[in-house]
């Protein structure tokens, strides 16, 4: 969790991935507070750390993309940010002081986290695919200019 929070602070300043890292950092700070209340909170933290690992690798390679590909990537990053906002809402729900209300909500929150986890993985795959397509386009453009 600490690695994720410090990574968020670095990546937050970088265009394209910064919008996602701000929400990711908020989630991880919540996970740090509430992880003892439920295993699902810890699972959400692991999910967010995995997202950050992917973004960290992506950010190091994304500078090679063409502007049009970066614009498409930004749209997908915004979608990922929205999904992480959903995770943040679930993690924040564990802050509920009312034990009975929290217990009734745990099952629903766990189901939401499971659904969000699947959607986040799918979104990361879309981002990876866009990166690979953009990289292929850049290689083709370079080959065309050399021929």
C-alpha atoms as a PDB file:
ATOM      1  CA  UNK A   1       0.000   0.000   0.000  1.00  0.00           C
ATOM      2  CA  UNK A   2       2.816   2.399   0.848  1.00  0.00           C
ATOM      3  CA  UNK A   3       4.468   1.705  -2.528  1.00  0.00           C
ATOM      4  CA  UNK A   4       1.159   2.460  -4.240  1.00  0.00           C
ATOM      5  CA  UNK A   5       0.659   5.736  -2.397  1.00  0.00           C
ATOM      6  CA  UNK A   6       4.190   6.933  -3.199  1.00  0.00           C
ATOM      7  CA  UNK A   7       3.779   5.827  -6.837  1.00  0.00           C
ATOM      8  CA  UNK A   8       0.537   7.814  -7.030  1.00  0.00           C
ATOM      9  CA  UNK A   9       2.324  10.916  -5.842  1.00  0.00           C
ATOM     10  CA  UNK A  10       4.859  10.578  -8.665  1.00  0.00           C
ATOM     11  CA  UNK A  11       2.482   9.528 -11.462  1.00  0.00           C
ATOM     12  CA  UNK A  12      -0.195  12.047 -10.427  1.00  0.00           C
ATOM     13  CA  UNK A  13       1.778  14.830 -12.134  1.00  0.00           C
ATOM     14  CA  UNK A  14       2.021  13.013 -15.476  1.00  0.00           C
ATOM     15  CA  UNK A  15      -0.548  13.701 -18.202  1.00  0.00           C
ATOM     16  CA  UNK A  16      -2.747  10.784 -19.237  1.00  0.00           C
ATOM     17  CA  UNK A  17      -2.220   8.676 -16.092  1.00  0.00           C
ATOM     18  CA  UNK A  18      -2.479  11.455 -13.498  1.00  0.00           C
ATOM     19  CA  UNK A  19      -6.280  11.477 -13.466  1.00  0.00           C
ATOM     20  CA  UNK A  20      -6.303   7.807 -12.473  1.00  0.00           C
ATOM     21  CA  UNK A  21      -3.558   8.124  -9.878  1.00  0.00           C
ATOM     22  CA  UNK A  22      -5.368  10.780  -7.881  1.00  0.00           C
ATOM     23  CA  UNK A  23      -8.310   8.449  -7.266  1.00  0.00           C
ATOM     24  CA  UNK A  24      -5.996   5.461  -6.731  1.00  0.00           C
ATOM     25  CA  UNK A  25      -4.139   7.331  -3.998  1.00  0.00           C
ATOM     26  CA  UNK A  26      -7.393   8.202  -2.229  1.00  0.00           C
ATOM     27  CA  UNK A  27      -8.442   4.539  -2.347  1.00  0.00           C
ATOM     28  CA  UNK A  28      -5.142   3.343  -0.923  1.00  0.00           C
ATOM     29  CA  UNK A  29      -5.292   5.852   1.910  1.00  0.00           C
ATOM     30  CA  UNK A  30      -8.791   4.502   2.712  1.00  0.00           C
ATOM     31  CA  UNK A  31      -7.557   0.925   2.464  1.00  0.00           C
ATOM     32  CA  UNK A  32      -4.781   1.742   4.926  1.00  0.00           C
ATOM     33  CA  UNK A  33      -7.423   2.967   7.408  1.00  0.00           C
ATOM     34  CA  UNK A  34     -10.099   0.290   6.970  1.00  0.00           C
ATOM     35  CA  UNK A  35      -8.226  -2.861   5.897  1.00  0.00           C
ATOM     36  CA  UNK A  36      -8.757  -4.462   9.291  1.00  0.00           C
ATOM     37  CA  UNK A  37     -12.543  -4.144   8.971  1.00  0.00           C
ATOM     38  CA  UNK A  38     -12.912  -6.510   6.007  1.00  0.00           C
ATOM     39  CA  UNK A  39     -10.869  -8.662   3.670  1.00  0.00           C
ATOM     40  CA  UNK A  40     -12.646  -6.996   0.765  1.00  0.00           C
ATOM     41  CA  UNK A  41     -10.963  -3.705   1.583  1.00  0.00           C
ATOM     42  CA  UNK A  42      -7.554  -5.377   1.425  1.00  0.00           C
ATOM     43  CA  UNK A  43      -8.560  -6.999  -1.886  1.00  0.00           C
ATOM     44  CA  UNK A  44      -9.503  -3.570  -3.231  1.00  0.00           C
ATOM     45  CA  UNK A  45      -6.076  -2.322  -2.221  1.00  0.00           C
ATOM     46  CA  UNK A  46      -4.365  -5.156  -4.087  1.00  0.00           C
ATOM     47  CA  UNK A  47      -6.479  -4.411  -7.170  1.00  0.00           C
ATOM     48  CA  UNK A  48      -5.468  -0.753  -7.088  1.00  0.00           C
ATOM     49  CA  UNK A  49      -1.792  -1.605  -6.622  1.00  0.00           C
ATOM     50  CA  UNK A  50      -1.995  -3.876  -9.679  1.00  0.00           C
ATOM     51  CA  UNK A  51      -3.543  -1.026 -11.669  1.00  0.00           C
ATOM     52  CA  UNK A  52      -0.697   1.238 -10.575  1.00  0.00           C
ATOM     53  CA  UNK A  53       1.915  -1.311 -11.612  1.00  0.00           C
ATOM     54  CA  UNK A  54       0.358  -1.431 -15.078  1.00  0.00           C
ATOM     55  CA  UNK A  55       0.174   2.361 -15.287  1.00  0.00           C
ATOM     56  CA  UNK A  56       3.761   2.705 -14.134  1.00  0.00           C
ATOM     57  CA  UNK A  57       4.954   0.441 -16.958  1.00  0.00           C
ATOM     58  CA  UNK A  58       2.634   2.130 -19.447  1.00  0.00           C
ATOM     59  CA  UNK A  59       3.752   5.634 -18.525  1.00  0.00           C
ATOM     60  CA  UNK A  60       7.393   4.763 -19.186  1.00  0.00           C
ATOM     61  CA  UNK A  61       6.542   3.645 -22.721  1.00  0.00           C
ATOM     62  CA  UNK A  62       3.674   5.968 -23.659  1.00  0.00           C
ATOM     63  CA  UNK A  63       5.883   8.860 -24.715  1.00  0.00           C
ATOM     64  CA  UNK A  64       6.444   7.059 -28.014  1.00  0.00           C
ATOM     65  CA  UNK A  65       2.777   7.198 -29.004  1.00  0.00           C
ATOM     66  CA  UNK A  66       1.445   9.552 -31.648  1.00  0.00           C
ATOM     67  CA  UNK A  67      -0.800  12.412 -30.496  1.00  0.00           C
ATOM     68  CA  UNK A  68      -3.978  10.798 -31.867  1.00  0.00           C
ATOM     69  CA  UNK A  69      -3.194   7.585 -30.022  1.00  0.00           C
ATOM     70  CA  UNK A  70      -2.544   9.518 -26.799  1.00  0.00           C
ATOM     71  CA  UNK A  71      -5.951  11.177 -27.134  1.00  0.00           C
ATOM     72  CA  UNK A  72      -7.633   7.789 -27.471  1.00  0.00           C
ATOM     73  CA  UNK A  73      -5.640   6.555 -24.501  1.00  0.00           C
ATOM     74  CA  UNK A  74      -6.759   9.535 -22.411  1.00  0.00           C
ATOM     75  CA  UNK A  75     -10.391   8.605 -23.068  1.00  0.00           C
ATOM     76  CA  UNK A  76      -9.753   5.089 -21.796  1.00  0.00           C
ATOM     77  CA  UNK A  77      -7.866   6.427 -18.762  1.00  0.00           C
ATOM     78  CA  UNK A  78     -10.908   8.552 -17.928  1.00  0.00           C
ATOM     79  CA  UNK A  79     -13.042   5.401 -18.027  1.00  0.00           C
ATOM     80  CA  UNK A  80     -10.568   3.660 -15.718  1.00  0.00           C
ATOM     81  CA  UNK A  81     -10.733   6.640 -13.356  1.00  0.00           C
ATOM     82  CA  UNK A  82     -14.533   6.292 -13.245  1.00  0.00           C
ATOM     83  CA  UNK A  83     -14.215   2.611 -12.345  1.00  0.00           C
ATOM     84  CA  UNK A  84     -11.730   3.419  -9.603  1.00  0.00           C
ATOM     85  CA  UNK A  85     -14.127   6.060  -8.291  1.00  0.00           C
ATOM     86  CA  UNK A  86     -16.589   3.203  -7.826  1.00  0.00           C
ATOM     87  CA  UNK A  87     -13.972   1.256  -5.871  1.00  0.00           C
ATOM     88  CA  UNK A  88     -13.340   4.332  -3.721  1.00  0.00           C
ATOM     89  CA  UNK A  89     -17.056   4.553  -2.897  1.00  0.00           C
ATOM     90  CA  UNK A  90     -17.043   0.926  -1.772  1.00  0.00           C
ATOM     91  CA  UNK A  91     -13.915   1.387   0.366  1.00  0.00           C
ATOM     92  CA  UNK A  92     -15.392   4.552   1.875  1.00  0.00           C
ATOM     93  CA  UNK A  93     -18.531   2.580   2.805  1.00  0.00           C
ATOM     94  CA  UNK A  94     -16.430   0.588   5.260  1.00  0.00           C
ATOM     95  CA  UNK A  95     -15.904   3.769   7.265  1.00  0.00           C
ATOM     96  CA  UNK A  96     -19.491   3.389   8.473  1.00  0.00           C
ATOM     97  CA  UNK A  97     -19.476   3.416  12.266  1.00  0.00           C
ATOM     98  CA  UNK A  98     -22.827   1.692  12.582  1.00  0.00           C
ATOM     99  CA  UNK A  99     -21.854  -1.991  12.792  1.00  0.00           C
ATOM    100  CA  UNK A 100     -25.296  -3.347  11.884  1.00  0.00           C
ATOM    101  CA  UNK A 101     -25.641  -1.075   8.852  1.00  0.00           C
ATOM    102  CA  UNK A 102     -22.125  -2.017   7.774  1.00  0.00           C
ATOM    103  CA  UNK A 103     -22.821  -5.756   8.155  1.00  0.00           C
ATOM    104  CA  UNK A 104     -25.901  -5.535   5.933  1.00  0.00           C
ATOM    105  CA  UNK A 105     -23.907  -3.640   3.352  1.00  0.00           C
ATOM    106  CA  UNK A 106     -20.882  -5.965   3.315  1.00  0.00           C
ATOM    107  CA  UNK A 107     -22.389  -8.517   0.948  1.00  0.00           C
ATOM    108  CA  UNK A 108     -23.530  -5.869  -1.498  1.00  0.00           C
ATOM    109  CA  UNK A 109     -20.177  -4.103  -1.327  1.00  0.00           C
ATOM    110  CA  UNK A 110     -18.283  -7.370  -1.911  1.00  0.00           C
ATOM    111  CA  UNK A 111     -20.379  -8.038  -5.000  1.00  0.00           C
ATOM    112  CA  UNK A 112     -19.713  -4.497  -6.262  1.00  0.00           C
ATOM    113  CA  UNK A 113     -15.974  -4.966  -5.732  1.00  0.00           C
ATOM    114  CA  UNK A 114     -16.015  -8.225  -7.656  1.00  0.00           C
ATOM    115  CA  UNK A 115     -17.831  -6.603 -10.566  1.00  0.00           C
ATOM    116  CA  UNK A 116     -15.549  -3.564 -10.508  1.00  0.00           C
ATOM    117  CA  UNK A 117     -12.465  -5.792 -10.385  1.00  0.00           C
ATOM    118  CA  UNK A 118     -13.587  -7.546 -13.576  1.00  0.00           C
ATOM    119  CA  UNK A 119     -14.388  -4.241 -15.278  1.00  0.00           C
ATOM    120  CA  UNK A 120     -11.029  -2.765 -14.262  1.00  0.00           C
ATOM    121  CA  UNK A 121      -9.171  -5.766 -15.685  1.00  0.00           C
ATOM    122  CA  UNK A 122     -11.124  -5.426 -18.919  1.00  0.00           C
ATOM    123  CA  UNK A 123     -10.350  -1.702 -19.065  1.00  0.00           C
ATOM    124  CA  UNK A 124      -6.646  -2.319 -18.503  1.00  0.00           C
ATOM    125  CA  UNK A 125      -6.730  -4.780 -21.406  1.00  0.00           C
ATOM    126  CA  UNK A 126      -8.316  -2.113 -23.624  1.00  0.00           C
ATOM    127  CA  UNK A 127      -5.548   0.308 -22.607  1.00  0.00           C
ATOM    128  CA  UNK A 128      -2.881  -2.315 -23.360  1.00  0.00           C
ATOM    129  CA  UNK A 129      -4.451  -3.048 -26.742  1.00  0.00           C
ATOM    130  CA  UNK A 130      -4.582   0.652 -27.612  1.00  0.00           C
ATOM    131  CA  UNK A 131      -0.955   1.015 -26.617  1.00  0.00           C
ATOM    132  CA  UNK A 132       0.080  -1.894 -28.825  1.00  0.00           C
ATOM    133  CA  UNK A 133      -1.959  -0.593 -31.771  1.00  0.00           C
ATOM    134  CA  UNK A 134      -0.492   2.881 -31.302  1.00  0.00           C
ATOM    135  CA  UNK A 135       2.996   1.463 -31.098  1.00  0.00           C
ATOM    136  CA  UNK A 136       2.404  -0.549 -34.277  1.00  0.00           C
ATOM    137  CA  UNK A 137       1.186   2.610 -36.048  1.00  0.00           C
ATOM    138  CA  UNK A 138       4.315   4.474 -34.994  1.00  0.00           C
ATOM    139  CA  UNK A 139       6.553   1.657 -36.285  1.00  0.00           C
ATOM    140  CA  UNK A 140       4.696   1.583 -39.596  1.00  0.00           C
ATOM    141  CA  UNK A 141       5.041   5.355 -39.916  1.00  0.00           C
ATOM    142  CA  UNK A 142       8.794   5.110 -39.239  1.00  0.00           C
ATOM    143  CA  UNK A 143       9.173   2.336 -41.811  1.00  0.00           C
ATOM    144  CA  UNK A 144       7.264   4.343 -44.392  1.00  0.00           C
ATOM    145  CA  UNK A 145       9.514   7.361 -43.910  1.00  0.00           C
ATOM    146  CA  UNK A 146      12.657   5.287 -44.272  1.00  0.00           C
ATOM    147  CA  UNK A 147      11.527   3.588 -47.468  1.00  0.00           C
END
